Amino acid sequence: MSFSSNATIAKARAIYGRALTAEDYTQLCSKTNVAEAAAFLKQTERYRHVLSGINPQTVHRTQLEALIAKTILDVFERFHKFDFSNSRAFFQYIIMELEAEQILTAIEGVAAGSTDNYIAELPVFLTRHAQTDLLALGNAESFLDIARGLDGTSFEKALRPLLIDAAESGSIDINECERRVFTLYYMSAFKTIDRIYSGKSRNEMRRILLKCIDMVNVVTCCRMKRFDSPPDRIKQQLLPFKYRLSAEHIDRLIQMDSVDDISGELSGMGYNIDSPAQLDTIEQLTDRISTDFLRRTIRLSQNSAAVYYSLIECLRIEQRNIKTAIEGIRYGMGSSEILDMLVI
């Protein structure tokens, strides 16, 4: 293993070592308003730098969440400057994933008749890395405007037919947009893995992504079932990749209602959680399963790209926890009730 790979792994583990602890979450959830939450996060080792310029008493929730999200791009830029191992070629997918989310937000804004939320929440730091002109996309007033904004990008082929049809019909299937965008994302990532890795490293990278996809598909199954979607419709919306989630498992999951039953089904597939926990939603369950195997990868893997990817995914879960906590604080929920909603 090269010096660069060793340095990347060491740096990723050091960054992960600054993750919010259970005690940090307990303190965060005890705050009574967004200002107190911002002040607390500002003094943590993880978010001290990115929040150094804010005034906790005046910061808006949207601004706070955008700055916290910027942590991922800060990590990206730090690694991109010094890492010259094979993992460097994989860094672009962090940007592609964030960009895909912004495109979907813009489509949802047009579908809802307003892009105000898109403009307010657009991470400006992302605009200089994305292949799409995200600021122009945020000003789109129609599905045709979005289609034109995607011309020449890797997203054009996947989304243009849906956007053209939507321009005529006046409505769009957001779930299908999401499925196509993330199918493109993962297909591109797998091609890169196959190009730059071989043997054990290749298998490890594919396994990490496929496990993440399995969890995405489990959530899709359960969410669509809540809205009484028929089984055939649910299956059409799944990402076309699998690791352990077979057709038979999907058929059984579609029939299940309780998180405990779903947990048992996933455990039978080898998707266990490392320690007992009270999990009330399917999202908590899948994030907990993901967190456990991502943490193991960070701790044990000697593949720099695998460690780096796992770090970014753990950061995303941590940021979802923070967003959930801030929302709970805003709505006056009790600290224990908020803690029960987090994945720790």
Protein backbone atom coordinates (compact mmCIF):
# COMPACT_ATOMS: atom_id res chain seq x y z
CA MET A 1 0.00 0.00 0.00
CA SER A 2 1.37 3.42 -0.98
CA PHE A 3 2.32 6.20 1.43
CA SER A 4 -0.54 8.28 -0.05
CA SER A 5 -3.05 5.51 0.71
CA ASN A 6 -1.75 5.18 4.26
CA ALA A 7 -2.00 8.94 4.75
CA THR A 8 -5.56 9.00 3.39
CA ILE A 9 -6.65 6.24 5.76
CA ALA A 10 -4.99 7.89 8.76
CA LYS A 11 -6.56 11.25 7.93
CA ALA A 12 -10.03 9.73 7.42
CA ARG A 13 -9.84 7.91 10.76
CA ALA A 14 -8.73 11.11 12.48
CA ILE A 15 -11.69 13.00 11.00
CA TYR A 16 -14.07 10.23 12.02
CA GLY A 17 -12.61 10.42 15.53
CA ARG A 18 -14.18 13.87 15.83
CA ALA A 19 -17.70 12.47 15.34
CA LEU A 20 -20.38 13.62 17.73
CA THR A 21 -20.59 11.29 20.72
CA ALA A 22 -23.65 10.01 22.56
CA GLU A 23 -22.96 12.66 25.24
CA ASP A 24 -22.78 15.36 22.52
CA TYR A 25 -26.19 14.31 21.21
CA THR A 26 -27.62 14.30 24.73
CA GLN A 27 -26.43 17.87 25.25
CA LEU A 28 -27.65 18.99 21.81
CA CYS A 29 -31.13 17.55 22.37
CA SER A 30 -31.39 19.32 25.73
CA LYS A 31 -31.28 22.75 24.08
CA THR A 32 -34.49 24.75 23.98
CA ASN A 33 -34.04 26.73 20.76
CA VAL A 34 -32.00 26.91 17.55
CA ALA A 35 -29.66 29.59 18.98
CA GLU A 36 -28.66 27.32 21.86
CA ALA A 37 -28.21 24.38 19.47
CA ALA A 38 -26.01 26.51 17.19
CA ALA A 39 -23.92 27.71 20.13
CA PHE A 40 -23.38 24.14 21.28
CA LEU A 41 -22.42 22.85 17.82
CA LYS A 42 -20.06 25.80 17.38
CA GLN A 43 -17.96 24.63 20.32
CA THR A 44 -17.71 20.97 19.22
CA GLU A 45 -14.49 19.78 17.63
CA ARG A 46 -16.39 18.60 14.55
CA TYR A 47 -18.16 21.85 13.67
CA ARG A 48 -16.02 24.51 15.37
CA HIS A 49 -14.29 25.57 12.15
CA VAL A 50 -17.28 25.66 9.79
CA LEU A 51 -19.42 27.58 12.31
CA SER A 52 -16.68 29.95 13.48
CA GLY A 53 -18.18 32.95 11.66
CA ILE A 54 -21.79 32.67 12.83
CA ASN A 55 -23.60 34.51 15.59
CA PRO A 56 -25.69 31.80 17.26
CA GLN A 57 -28.27 34.38 18.36
CA THR A 58 -29.07 35.45 14.80
CA VAL A 59 -28.30 32.43 12.63
CA HIS A 60 -31.29 31.03 10.72
CA ARG A 61 -31.98 27.31 10.82
CA THR A 62 -31.54 27.01 7.04
CA GLN A 63 -28.17 28.79 7.19
CA LEU A 64 -27.06 26.60 10.09
CA GLU A 65 -27.97 23.39 8.25
CA ALA A 66 -26.25 24.58 5.04
CA LEU A 67 -23.03 25.33 6.93
CA ILE A 68 -23.13 21.94 8.63
CA ALA A 69 -23.64 20.29 5.21
CA LYS A 70 -20.55 22.15 4.00
CA THR A 71 -18.47 19.91 6.25
CA ILE A 72 -18.62 17.18 3.61
CA LEU A 73 -17.24 19.51 0.93
CA ASP A 74 -14.53 20.71 3.31
CA VAL A 75 -13.46 17.10 3.81
CA PHE A 76 -13.61 16.54 0.03
CA GLU A 77 -11.35 19.51 -0.65
CA ARG A 78 -8.83 18.57 2.01
CA PHE A 79 -8.45 15.07 0.62
CA HIS A 80 -8.45 16.20 -2.99
CA LYS A 81 -5.46 18.46 -2.37
CA PHE A 82 -3.11 15.86 -0.96
CA ASP A 83 -4.34 12.39 -1.94
CA PHE A 84 -2.80 10.96 -5.11
CA SER A 85 -3.75 7.33 -4.59
CA ASN A 86 -6.42 5.48 -6.58
CA SER A 87 -9.04 6.81 -4.18
CA ARG A 88 -8.67 10.26 -5.79
CA ALA A 89 -10.59 9.10 -8.87
CA PHE A 90 -13.48 8.11 -6.62
CA PHE A 91 -13.85 11.49 -4.90
CA GLN A 92 -15.90 12.88 -7.80
CA TYR A 93 -18.85 10.74 -6.73
CA ILE A 94 -19.27 12.72 -3.54
CA ILE A 95 -19.90 15.78 -5.72
CA MET A 96 -22.11 13.84 -8.13
CA GLU A 97 -24.34 12.63 -5.30
CA LEU A 98 -24.74 16.12 -3.83
CA GLU A 99 -25.40 17.54 -7.30
CA ALA A 100 -28.06 14.89 -7.99
CA GLU A 101 -29.87 15.87 -4.80
CA GLN A 102 -29.91 19.53 -5.89
CA ILE A 103 -31.31 18.64 -9.31
CA LEU A 104 -34.10 16.62 -7.72
CA THR A 105 -34.85 19.53 -5.35
CA ALA A 106 -35.14 21.87 -8.34
CA ILE A 107 -37.55 19.48 -10.10
CA GLU A 108 -39.66 19.23 -6.95
CA GLY A 109 -39.71 23.03 -6.75
CA VAL A 110 -41.04 23.41 -10.28
CA ALA A 111 -43.59 20.65 -9.65
CA ALA A 112 -44.78 22.51 -6.54
CA GLY A 113 -44.92 25.83 -8.38
CA SER A 114 -42.10 27.49 -6.48
CA THR A 115 -38.30 27.23 -6.34
CA ASP A 116 -37.98 29.52 -3.33
CA ASN A 117 -36.83 26.67 -1.09
CA TYR A 118 -34.26 25.59 -3.65
CA ILE A 119 -32.74 29.07 -3.83
CA ALA A 120 -32.73 29.40 -0.04
CA GLU A 121 -31.15 26.02 0.61
CA LEU A 122 -28.70 25.81 -2.32
CA PRO A 123 -25.19 25.12 -0.97
CA VAL A 124 -23.26 27.84 -2.79
CA PHE A 125 -19.98 26.04 -2.06
CA LEU A 126 -21.16 23.21 -4.35
CA THR A 127 -21.63 25.42 -7.42
CA ARG A 128 -17.94 25.64 -8.27
CA HIS A 129 -17.58 21.84 -8.38
CA ALA A 130 -20.81 20.73 -10.09
CA GLN A 131 -21.09 20.06 -13.82
CA THR A 132 -24.58 21.62 -13.79
CA ASP A 133 -25.16 25.37 -13.43
CA LEU A 134 -27.05 24.96 -10.17
CA LEU A 135 -27.78 28.66 -9.72
CA ALA A 136 -29.40 28.82 -13.16
CA LEU A 137 -31.28 25.62 -12.35
CA GLY A 138 -32.63 27.29 -9.24
CA ASN A 139 -34.18 30.01 -11.41
CA ALA A 140 -35.97 27.48 -13.64
CA GLU A 141 -39.68 28.20 -13.98
CA SER A 142 -40.63 25.14 -16.03
CA PHE A 143 -39.64 21.56 -16.67
CA LEU A 144 -38.28 22.68 -20.05
CA ASP A 145 -35.99 25.15 -18.29
CA ILE A 146 -34.59 22.30 -16.21
CA ALA A 147 -34.18 20.09 -19.30
CA ARG A 148 -32.20 22.85 -20.99
CA GLY A 149 -30.12 23.32 -17.84
CA LEU A 150 -29.07 19.68 -17.97
CA ASP A 151 -27.90 19.83 -21.61
CA GLY A 152 -24.40 18.45 -21.94
CA THR A 153 -24.31 16.93 -18.45
CA SER A 154 -24.29 13.28 -17.48
CA PHE A 155 -27.84 13.71 -16.14
CA GLU A 156 -29.32 14.77 -19.49
CA LYS A 157 -30.03 11.33 -20.95
CA ALA A 158 -31.61 10.01 -17.73
CA LEU A 159 -33.95 12.94 -17.06
CA ARG A 160 -34.64 14.75 -20.33
CA PRO A 161 -37.44 12.36 -21.54
CA LEU A 162 -39.27 12.66 -18.22
CA LEU A 163 -38.92 16.46 -18.21
CA ILE A 164 -40.17 16.79 -21.81
CA ASP A 165 -43.19 14.62 -21.04
CA ALA A 166 -43.83 16.62 -17.87
CA ALA A 167 -43.76 19.87 -19.83
CA GLU A 168 -46.69 18.54 -21.87
CA SER A 169 -48.64 16.86 -19.07
CA GLY A 170 -47.95 19.34 -16.28
CA SER A 171 -46.89 16.66 -13.80
CA ILE A 172 -43.85 14.52 -13.15
CA ASP A 173 -43.07 11.31 -11.30
CA ILE A 174 -40.52 12.45 -8.72
CA ASN A 175 -39.84 8.87 -7.59
CA GLU A 176 -38.93 7.86 -11.12
CA CYS A 177 -36.64 10.89 -11.45
CA GLU A 178 -34.89 9.85 -8.26
CA ARG A 179 -34.57 6.23 -9.39
CA ARG A 180 -33.04 7.25 -12.72
CA VAL A 181 -30.62 9.74 -11.23
CA PHE A 182 -29.28 7.35 -8.61
CA THR A 183 -29.19 4.45 -11.05
CA LEU A 184 -26.93 6.65 -13.18
CA TYR A 185 -24.85 7.57 -10.13
CA TYR A 186 -24.25 3.99 -9.04
CA MET A 187 -23.66 2.68 -12.57
CA SER A 188 -20.99 5.32 -13.07
CA ALA A 189 -19.43 4.53 -9.69
CA PHE A 190 -19.30 0.79 -10.45
CA LYS A 191 -17.64 1.46 -13.81
CA THR A 192 -14.96 3.52 -12.09
CA ILE A 193 -14.43 0.83 -9.46
CA ASP A 194 -14.01 -1.81 -12.17
CA ARG A 195 -11.58 0.44 -14.06
CA ILE A 196 -9.21 1.39 -11.25
CA TYR A 197 -9.42 -1.56 -8.83
CA SER A 198 -8.96 -5.29 -9.02
CA GLY A 199 -9.12 -8.30 -6.74
CA LYS A 200 -9.86 -7.75 -3.06
CA SER A 201 -10.01 -3.94 -3.31
CA ARG A 202 -12.50 -4.09 -6.15
CA ASN A 203 -14.70 -6.57 -4.29
CA GLU A 204 -14.63 -4.47 -1.11
CA MET A 205 -15.65 -1.27 -2.91
CA ARG A 206 -18.48 -2.99 -4.77
CA ARG A 207 -19.68 -4.64 -1.54
CA ILE A 208 -19.87 -1.32 0.33
CA LEU A 209 -21.92 0.33 -2.41
CA LEU A 210 -24.19 -2.68 -2.85
CA LYS A 211 -24.90 -2.82 0.89
CA CYS A 212 -25.84 0.86 0.81
CA ILE A 213 -28.11 0.22 -2.19
CA ASP A 214 -29.82 -2.66 -0.36
CA MET A 215 -30.66 -0.26 2.49
CA VAL A 216 -32.01 2.35 0.04
CA ASN A 217 -34.22 -0.28 -1.56
CA VAL A 218 -35.50 -1.51 1.81
CA VAL A 219 -36.56 2.06 2.68
CA THR A 220 -38.23 2.47 -0.74
CA CYS A 221 -40.19 -0.77 -0.25
CA CYS A 222 -41.47 0.27 3.16
CA ARG A 223 -42.22 3.90 2.31
CA MET A 224 -44.20 3.02 -0.81
CA LYS A 225 -46.10 0.34 1.07
CA ARG A 226 -47.23 3.03 3.54
CA PHE A 227 -48.90 4.81 0.62
CA ASP A 228 -50.58 1.59 -0.52
CA SER A 229 -48.52 1.31 -3.70
CA PRO A 230 -49.09 -2.07 -5.42
CA PRO A 231 -46.19 -4.55 -5.30
CA ASP A 232 -45.41 -4.25 -9.02
CA ARG A 233 -45.16 -0.46 -8.70
CA ILE A 234 -42.87 -0.79 -5.68
CA LYS A 235 -40.54 -3.16 -7.53
CA GLN A 236 -40.34 -0.79 -10.49
CA GLN A 237 -39.02 1.97 -8.23
CA LEU A 238 -36.13 -0.02 -6.77
CA LEU A 239 -32.56 0.61 -7.85
CA PRO A 240 -31.53 -2.21 -10.25
CA PHE A 241 -28.66 -3.52 -8.11
CA LYS A 242 -28.59 -5.92 -5.20
CA TYR A 243 -26.26 -7.57 -2.73
CA ARG A 244 -28.35 -9.69 -0.37
CA LEU A 245 -31.81 -8.28 -1.08
CA SER A 246 -33.26 -10.96 -3.35
CA ALA A 247 -36.65 -10.93 -5.09
CA GLU A 248 -37.97 -13.28 -2.39
CA HIS A 249 -36.82 -10.93 0.38
CA ILE A 250 -38.52 -8.01 -1.36
CA ASP A 251 -41.79 -9.96 -1.64
CA ARG A 252 -41.70 -10.64 2.10
CA LEU A 253 -40.75 -7.07 3.05
CA ILE A 254 -43.68 -5.71 1.06
CA GLN A 255 -46.01 -7.74 3.30
CA MET A 256 -44.50 -6.51 6.58
CA ASP A 257 -45.70 -3.60 8.70
CA SER A 258 -43.68 -3.56 11.91
CA VAL A 259 -40.07 -2.43 12.23
CA ASP A 260 -39.38 -5.50 14.41
CA ASP A 261 -40.55 -7.85 11.64
CA ILE A 262 -38.47 -6.00 9.06
CA SER A 263 -35.47 -6.07 11.40
CA GLY A 264 -35.88 -9.83 11.75
CA GLU A 265 -36.03 -10.26 7.99
CA LEU A 266 -32.89 -8.18 7.48
CA SER A 267 -31.11 -10.03 10.28
CA GLY A 268 -31.85 -13.29 8.47
CA MET A 269 -30.05 -11.80 5.46
CA GLY A 270 -26.98 -10.99 7.56
CA TYR A 271 -27.88 -7.33 8.14
CA ASN A 272 -27.59 -7.07 11.91
CA ILE A 273 -26.99 -4.20 14.29
CA ASP A 274 -24.01 -4.43 16.61
CA SER A 275 -25.87 -3.71 19.84
CA PRO A 276 -29.51 -3.68 21.00
CA ALA A 277 -31.41 -0.46 20.31
CA GLN A 278 -34.96 0.86 20.26
CA LEU A 279 -35.64 1.65 16.61
CA ASP A 280 -39.03 3.13 15.76
CA THR A 281 -38.76 3.73 12.01
CA ILE A 282 -37.39 1.88 9.03
CA GLU A 283 -35.06 4.82 8.35
CA GLN A 284 -33.54 4.47 11.84
CA LEU A 285 -33.10 0.75 11.31
CA THR A 286 -31.37 1.02 7.92
CA ASP A 287 -29.20 3.94 9.04
CA ARG A 288 -28.16 1.95 12.12
CA ILE A 289 -27.26 -1.10 10.01
CA SER A 290 -25.34 1.15 7.61
CA THR A 291 -23.57 2.98 10.43
CA ASP A 292 -22.36 -0.27 11.96
CA PHE A 293 -20.77 -1.66 8.80
CA LEU A 294 -19.41 1.74 7.73
CA ARG A 295 -17.73 2.15 11.13
CA ARG A 296 -16.19 -1.30 10.81
CA THR A 297 -14.86 -0.36 7.39
CA ILE A 298 -13.27 2.84 8.71
CA ARG A 299 -11.69 0.94 11.57
CA LEU A 300 -10.44 -2.16 9.73
CA SER A 301 -10.11 -1.58 5.98
CA GLN A 302 -6.75 -0.96 4.31
CA ASN A 303 -8.45 0.38 1.14
CA SER A 304 -8.21 4.19 1.19
CA ALA A 305 -11.23 4.75 -1.06
CA ALA A 306 -13.37 2.38 1.03
CA VAL A 307 -12.41 4.21 4.22
CA TYR A 308 -12.99 7.61 2.61
CA TYR A 309 -16.41 6.66 1.18
CA SER A 310 -17.47 5.18 4.52
CA LEU A 311 -16.38 8.37 6.29
CA ILE A 312 -18.53 10.53 4.00
CA GLU A 313 -21.56 8.26 4.46
CA CYS A 314 -21.12 8.40 8.26
CA LEU A 315 -20.95 12.21 8.05
CA ARG A 316 -24.21 12.23 6.10
CA ILE A 317 -25.91 10.13 8.79
CA GLU A 318 -24.52 12.41 11.49
CA GLN A 319 -25.89 15.43 9.65
CA ARG A 320 -29.32 13.82 9.34
CA ASN A 321 -29.20 13.34 13.12
CA ILE A 322 -28.42 17.03 13.63
CA LYS A 323 -31.21 18.12 11.29
CA THR A 324 -33.66 15.85 13.12
CA ALA A 325 -32.52 17.21 16.49
CA ILE A 326 -32.90 20.83 15.37
CA GLU A 327 -36.36 20.14 14.01
CA GLY A 328 -37.33 18.49 17.28
CA ILE A 329 -36.02 21.47 19.25
CA ARG A 330 -37.95 23.90 17.03
CA TYR A 331 -41.18 22.01 17.66
CA GLY A 332 -40.67 21.90 21.42
CA MET A 333 -40.15 18.17 21.76
CA GLY A 334 -38.55 16.78 24.91
CA SER A 335 -34.88 15.82 24.86
CA SER A 336 -35.51 12.11 25.43
CA GLU A 337 -38.12 12.07 22.67
CA ILE A 338 -35.65 13.67 20.24
CA LEU A 339 -32.86 11.29 21.24
CA ASP A 340 -35.13 8.35 20.45
CA MET A 341 -35.35 9.64 16.86
CA LEU A 342 -31.58 9.66 16.29
CA VAL A 343 -29.15 7.00 15.10
CA ILE A 344 -26.30 6.94 17.63
